[in-house]
Amino acid sequence: MKAPLVMYATIEMHETDNVAAVWIPTIDSRGTS
């Protein structure tokens, strides 16, 4: 999953809040908490 990681890292630099809003639900959905 390097592609998504790169995208998240890039977005994080621009919008950290946006990443958190997408990252949190993503982890919760997969149950990788």
N, C-alpha and C. Protein backbone atom coordinates (compact mmCIF):
# COMPACT_ATOMS: atom_id res chain seq x y z
N MET A 1 0.84 -1.21 0.00
CA MET A 1 0.00 0.00 0.00
C MET A 1 0.87 1.25 0.00
N LYS A 2 1.82 1.28 -0.89
CA LYS A 2 2.72 2.44 -0.93
C LYS A 2 2.04 3.61 -1.64
N ALA A 3 1.21 3.31 -2.62
CA ALA A 3 0.53 4.37 -3.37
C ALA A 3 -0.32 5.23 -2.44
N PRO A 4 -1.23 4.62 -1.66
CA PRO A 4 -2.08 5.40 -0.75
C PRO A 4 -1.25 6.15 0.26
N LEU A 5 -0.18 5.52 0.73
CA LEU A 5 0.68 6.17 1.73
C LEU A 5 1.26 7.45 1.16
N VAL A 6 1.72 7.39 -0.08
CA VAL A 6 2.31 8.58 -0.71
C VAL A 6 1.27 9.68 -0.83
N MET A 7 0.06 9.28 -1.22
CA MET A 7 -1.01 10.27 -1.40
C MET A 7 -1.34 10.92 -0.06
N TYR A 8 -1.46 10.10 0.99
CA TYR A 8 -1.77 10.63 2.32
C TYR A 8 -0.66 11.58 2.76
N ALA A 9 0.59 11.17 2.56
CA ALA A 9 1.72 12.00 2.97
C ALA A 9 1.68 13.34 2.25
N THR A 10 1.34 13.30 0.97
CA THR A 10 1.28 14.55 0.19
C THR A 10 0.16 15.44 0.69
N ILE A 11 -0.99 14.83 0.94
CA ILE A 11 -2.14 15.61 1.43
C ILE A 11 -1.84 16.15 2.82
N GLU A 12 -1.17 15.34 3.62
CA GLU A 12 -0.86 15.76 4.99
C GLU A 12 -0.10 17.07 4.98
N MET A 13 0.80 17.23 4.03
CA MET A 13 1.58 18.47 3.93
C MET A 13 0.67 19.66 3.63
N HIS A 14 -0.39 19.41 2.87
CA HIS A 14 -1.29 20.50 2.48
C HIS A 14 -2.43 20.65 3.49
N GLU A 15 -3.04 19.53 3.83
CA GLU A 15 -4.18 19.60 4.76
C GLU A 15 -4.11 18.45 5.76
N THR A 16 -3.60 18.75 6.93
CA THR A 16 -3.47 17.71 7.96
C THR A 16 -4.84 17.33 8.49
N ASP A 17 -5.72 18.31 8.62
CA ASP A 17 -7.07 18.04 9.14
C ASP A 17 -7.81 17.10 8.20
N ASN A 18 -7.67 17.34 6.91
CA ASN A 18 -8.37 16.51 5.93
C ASN A 18 -7.90 15.07 6.04
N VAL A 19 -6.61 14.88 6.24
CA VAL A 19 -6.06 13.52 6.35
C VAL A 19 -6.64 12.82 7.57
N ALA A 20 -6.68 13.52 8.68
CA ALA A 20 -7.22 12.94 9.92
C ALA A 20 -8.67 12.52 9.71
N ALA A 21 -9.42 13.33 9.00
CA ALA A 21 -10.84 13.05 8.77
C ALA A 21 -10.99 11.79 7.92
N VAL A 22 -10.02 11.53 7.06
CA VAL A 22 -10.10 10.35 6.19
C VAL A 22 -9.36 9.17 6.80
N TRP A 23 -8.27 9.47 7.49
CA TRP A 23 -7.43 8.40 8.06
C TRP A 23 -8.17 7.68 9.20
N ILE A 24 -8.77 8.44 10.11
CA ILE A 24 -9.47 7.85 11.26
C ILE A 24 -10.57 6.88 10.82
N PRO A 25 -11.51 7.29 9.97
CA PRO A 25 -12.59 6.40 9.51
C PRO A 25 -12.03 5.19 8.76
N THR A 26 -10.95 5.38 8.05
CA THR A 26 -10.37 4.28 7.27
C THR A 26 -9.87 3.19 8.21
N ILE A 27 -9.17 3.58 9.25
CA ILE A 27 -8.65 2.60 10.22
C ILE A 27 -9.81 1.94 10.96
N ASP A 28 -10.78 2.73 11.35
CA ASP A 28 -11.92 2.20 12.10
C ASP A 28 -12.68 1.19 11.25
N SER A 29 -12.81 1.48 9.97
CA SER A 29 -13.56 0.59 9.07
C SER A 29 -12.84 -0.75 8.93
N ARG A 30 -11.52 -0.70 8.88
CA ARG A 30 -10.75 -1.93 8.70
C ARG A 30 -10.56 -2.63 10.05
N GLY A 31 -10.76 -1.90 11.12
CA GLY A 31 -10.61 -2.51 12.44
C GLY A 31 -9.15 -2.74 12.78
N THR A 32 -8.28 -1.86 12.28
CA THR A 32 -6.84 -2.00 12.56
C THR A 32 -6.46 -1.10 13.72
N SER A 33 -7.44 -0.72 14.52
CA SER A 33 -7.17 0.21 15.63
C SER A 33 -6.09 -0.37 16.52
